PDB file of N, CA and C in Angstrom:
ATOM      1  N   MET A   1      32.650 -52.009   5.102  1.00  0.00           N
ATOM      2  CA  MET A   1      33.825 -52.256   4.254  1.00  0.00           C
ATOM      3  C   MET A   1      33.977 -53.757   3.987  1.00  0.00           C
ATOM      4  N   HIS A   2      33.843 -54.543   5.038  1.00  0.00           N
ATOM      5  CA  HIS A   2      33.995 -55.983   4.859  1.00  0.00           C
ATOM      6  C   HIS A   2      32.901 -56.524   3.931  1.00  0.00           C
ATOM      7  N   GLY A   3      31.679 -55.994   4.078  1.00  0.00           N
ATOM      8  CA  GLY A   3      30.587 -56.430   3.211  1.00  0.00           C
ATOM      9  C   GLY A   3      30.885 -56.128   1.745  1.00  0.00           C
ATOM     10  N   LEU A   4      31.551 -54.996   1.512  1.00  0.00           N
ATOM     11  CA  LEU A   4      31.885 -54.621   0.142  1.00  0.00           C
ATOM     12  C   LEU A   4      32.871 -55.632  -0.455  1.00  0.00           C
ATOM     13  N   VAL A   5      33.827 -56.064   0.352  1.00  0.00           N
ATOM     14  CA  VAL A   5      34.807 -57.049  -0.129  1.00  0.00           C
ATOM     15  C   VAL A   5      34.102 -58.364  -0.471  1.00  0.00           C
ATOM     16  N   VAL A   6      33.172 -58.758   0.389  1.00  0.00           N
ATOM     17  CA  VAL A   6      32.429 -59.994   0.132  1.00  0.00           C
ATOM     18  C   VAL A   6      31.626 -59.859  -1.160  1.00  0.00           C
ATOM     19  N   ASP A   7      31.004 -58.691  -1.351  1.00  0.00           N
ATOM     20  CA  ASP A   7      30.226 -58.469  -2.566  1.00  0.00           C
ATOM     21  C   ASP A   7      31.119 -58.554  -3.804  1.00  0.00           C
ATOM     22  N   TRP A   8      32.307 -57.962  -3.712  1.00  0.00           N
ATOM     23  CA  TRP A   8      33.214 -57.990  -4.873  1.00  0.00           C
ATOM     24  C   TRP A   8      33.615 -59.420  -5.211  1.00  0.00           C
ATOM     25  N   SER A   9      33.931 -60.215  -4.190  1.00  0.00           N
ATOM     26  CA  SER A   9      34.334 -61.604  -4.470  1.00  0.00           C
ATOM     27  C   SER A   9      33.161 -62.390  -5.045  1.00  0.00           C
ATOM     28  N   TYR A  10      31.960 -62.100  -4.536  1.00  0.00           N
ATOM     29  CA  TYR A  10      30.773 -62.792  -5.051  1.00  0.00           C
ATOM     30  C   TYR A  10      30.548 -62.440  -6.519  1.00  0.00           C
ATOM     31  N   TRP A  11      30.618 -61.129  -6.821  1.00  0.00           N
ATOM     32  CA  TRP A  11      30.395 -60.701  -8.210  1.00  0.00           C
ATOM     33  C   TRP A  11      31.502 -61.210  -9.130  1.00  0.00           C
ATOM     34  N   ALA A  12      32.734 -61.263  -8.618  1.00  0.00           N
ATOM     35  CA  ALA A  12      33.841 -61.775  -9.441  1.00  0.00           C
ATOM     36  C   ALA A  12      33.573 -63.234  -9.808  1.00  0.00           C
ATOM     37  N   ARG A  13      33.124 -64.028  -8.834  1.00  0.00           N
ATOM     38  CA  ARG A  13      32.807 -65.435  -9.113  1.00  0.00           C
ATOM     39  C   ARG A  13      31.634 -65.521 -10.076  1.00  0.00           C
ATOM     40  N   HIS A  14      30.639 -64.665  -9.866  1.00  0.00           N
ATOM     41  CA  HIS A  14      29.446 -64.666 -10.708  1.00  0.00           C
ATOM     42  C   HIS A  14      29.812 -64.366 -12.164  1.00  0.00           C
ATOM     43  N   VAL A  15      30.629 -63.328 -12.368  1.00  0.00           N
ATOM     44  CA  VAL A  15      31.041 -62.939 -13.722  1.00  0.00           C
ATOM     45  C   VAL A  15      31.914 -64.025 -14.338  1.00  0.00           C
ATOM     46  N   ALA A  16      32.817 -64.608 -13.539  1.00  0.00           N
ATOM     47  CA  ALA A  16      33.690 -65.666 -14.054  1.00  0.00           C
ATOM     48  C   ALA A  16      32.856 -66.856 -14.522  1.00  0.00           C
ATOM     49  N   GLY A  17      31.811 -67.175 -13.758  1.00  0.00           N
ATOM     50  CA  GLY A  17      30.936 -68.280 -14.144  1.00  0.00           C
ATOM     51  C   GLY A  17      30.221 -67.994 -15.455  1.00  0.00           C
ATOM     52  N   HIS A  18      29.752 -66.752 -15.603  1.00  0.00           N
ATOM     53  CA  HIS A  18      29.065 -66.387 -16.849  1.00  0.00           C
ATOM     54  C   HIS A  18      30.019 -66.431 -18.036  1.00  0.00           C
ATOM     55  N   LEU A  19      31.257 -65.974 -17.831  1.00  0.00           N
ATOM     56  CA  LEU A  19      32.234 -65.988 -18.925  1.00  0.00           C
ATOM     57  C   LEU A  19      32.555 -67.422 -19.323  1.00  0.00           C
ATOM     58  N   ARG A  20      32.662 -68.311 -18.318  1.00  0.00           N
ATOM     59  CA  ARG A  20      32.968 -69.708 -18.612  1.00  0.00           C
ATOM     60  C   ARG A  20      31.819 -70.327 -19.415  1.00  0.00           C
ATOM     61  N   VAL A  21      30.593 -70.040 -19.007  1.00  0.00           N
ATOM     62  CA  VAL A  21      29.428 -70.574 -19.726  1.00  0.00           C
ATOM     63  C   VAL A  21      29.384 -70.015 -21.150  1.00  0.00           C
ATOM     64  N   ALA A  22      29.664 -68.706 -21.277  1.00  0.00           N
ATOM     65  CA  ALA A  22      29.645 -68.092 -22.603  1.00  0.00           C
ATOM     66  C   ALA A  22      30.713 -68.733 -23.496  1.00  0.00           C
ATOM     67  N   GLY A  23      31.876 -69.052 -22.921  1.00  0.00           N
ATOM     68  CA  GLY A  23      32.946 -69.690 -23.678  1.00  0.00           C
ATOM     69  C   GLY A  23      32.532 -71.081 -24.150  1.00  0.00           C
ATOM     70  N   LEU A  24      31.866 -71.824 -23.262  1.00  0.00           N
ATOM     71  CA  LEU A  24      31.416 -73.160 -23.639  1.00  0.00           C
ATOM     72  C   LEU A  24      30.370 -73.079 -24.745  1.00  0.00           C
ATOM     73  N   VAL A  25      29.464 -72.106 -24.641  1.00  0.00           N
ATOM     74  CA  VAL A  25      28.418 -71.952 -25.654  1.00  0.00           C
ATOM     75  C   VAL A  25      29.035 -71.598 -27.002  1.00  0.00           C
ATOM     76  N   SER A  26      30.034 -70.697 -26.985  1.00  0.00           N
ATOM     77  CA  SER A  26      30.661 -70.308 -28.253  1.00  0.00           C
ATOM     78  C   SER A  26      31.429 -71.492 -28.843  1.00  0.00           C
ATOM     79  N   GLU A  27      32.043 -72.312 -27.972  1.00  0.00           N
ATOM     80  CA  GLU A  27      32.737 -73.506 -28.469  1.00  0.00           C
ATOM     81  C   GLU A  27      31.741 -74.459 -29.129  1.00  0.00           C
ATOM     82  N   LEU A  28      30.591 -74.647 -28.488  1.00  0.00           N
ATOM     83  CA  LEU A  28      29.581 -75.545 -29.060  1.00  0.00           C
ATOM     84  C   LEU A  28      29.061 -74.993 -30.376  1.00  0.00           C
ATOM     85  N   ARG A  29      28.883 -73.681 -30.439  1.00  0.00           N
ATOM     86  CA  ARG A  29      28.384 -73.067 -31.676  1.00  0.00           C
ATOM     87  C   ARG A  29      29.408 -73.240 -32.793  1.00  0.00           C
ATOM     88  N   LEU A  30      30.680 -73.051 -32.459  1.00  0.00           N
ATOM     89  CA  LEU A  30      31.730 -73.237 -33.461  1.00  0.00           C
ATOM     90  C   LEU A  30      31.749 -74.690 -33.928  1.00  0.00           C
ATOM     91  N   GLU A  31      31.575 -75.605 -32.976  1.00  0.00           N
ATOM     92  CA  GLU A  31      31.634 -77.022 -33.311  1.00  0.00           C
ATOM     93  C   GLU A  31      30.499 -77.397 -34.263  1.00  0.00           C
ATOM     94  N   THR A  32      29.325 -76.826 -34.038  1.00  0.00           N
ATOM     95  CA  THR A  32      28.194 -77.166 -34.908  1.00  0.00           C
ATOM     96  C   THR A  32      28.365 -76.528 -36.285  1.00  0.00           C
ATOM     97  N   LEU A  33      29.018 -75.355 -36.322  1.00  0.00           N
ATOM     98  CA  LEU A  33      29.190 -74.668 -37.602  1.00  0.00           C
ATOM     99  C   LEU A  33      30.338 -75.266 -38.414  1.00  0.00           C
ATOM    100  N   ASP A  34      31.436 -75.615 -37.718  1.00  0.00           N
ATOM    101  CA  ASP A  34      32.644 -76.028 -38.437  1.00  0.00           C
ATOM    102  C   ASP A  34      33.419 -77.064 -37.620  1.00  0.00           C
ATOM    103  N   PRO A  35      32.922 -78.302 -37.552  1.00  0.00           N
ATOM    104  CA  PRO A  35      33.582 -79.335 -36.731  1.00  0.00           C
ATOM    105  C   PRO A  35      35.039 -79.579 -37.092  1.00  0.00           C
ATOM    106  N   PRO A  36      35.421 -79.650 -38.371  1.00  0.00           N
ATOM    107  CA  PRO A  36      36.825 -79.926 -38.699  1.00  0.00           C
ATOM    108  C   PRO A  36      37.772 -78.865 -38.132  1.00  0.00           C
ATOM    109  N   ALA A  37      37.371 -77.605 -38.159  1.00  0.00           N
ATOM    110  CA  ALA A  37      38.233 -76.535 -37.657  1.00  0.00           C
ATOM    111  C   ALA A  37      38.427 -76.684 -36.149  1.00  0.00           C
ATOM    112  N   VAL A  38      37.352 -77.004 -35.442  1.00  0.00           N
ATOM    113  CA  VAL A  38      37.445 -77.160 -33.993  1.00  0.00           C
ATOM    114  C   VAL A  38      38.311 -78.361 -33.644  1.00  0.00           C
ATOM    115  N   LEU A  39      38.093 -79.477 -34.343  1.00  0.00           N
ATOM    116  CA  LEU A  39      38.885 -80.683 -34.066  1.00  0.00           C
ATOM    117  C   LEU A  39      40.355 -80.433 -34.381  1.00  0.00           C
ATOM    118  N   GLY A  40      40.627 -79.727 -35.460  1.00  0.00           N
ATOM    119  CA  GLY A  40      42.003 -79.438 -35.820  1.00  0.00           C
ATOM    120  C   GLY A  40      42.681 -78.576 -34.766  1.00  0.00           C
ATOM    121  N   ARG A  41      41.915 -77.659 -34.158  1.00  0.00           N
ATOM    122  CA  ARG A  41      42.490 -76.777 -33.150  1.00  0.00           C
ATOM    123  C   ARG A  41      42.745 -77.542 -31.846  1.00  0.00           C
ATOM    124  N   LEU A  42      41.910 -78.562 -31.568  1.00  0.00           N
ATOM    125  CA  LEU A  42      42.054 -79.301 -30.316  1.00  0.00           C
ATOM    126  C   LEU A  42      43.219 -80.285 -30.381  1.00  0.00           C
ATOM    127  N   GLN A  43      43.493 -80.805 -31.560  1.00  0.00           N
ATOM    128  CA  GLN A  43      44.531 -81.833 -31.677  1.00  0.00           C
ATOM    129  C   GLN A  43      45.936 -81.238 -31.647  1.00  0.00           C
TER     130      GLN A  43
END
């Protein structure tokens, strides 16, 4: 049971890391496609 909890926390961190990376990649893709829109959203 304890091992299962450890696995869940590990996978949760793993998935969170992938989502964060995917978000950064999509931000970079948006920036390359449409810089003014991204800058306007950040300001």
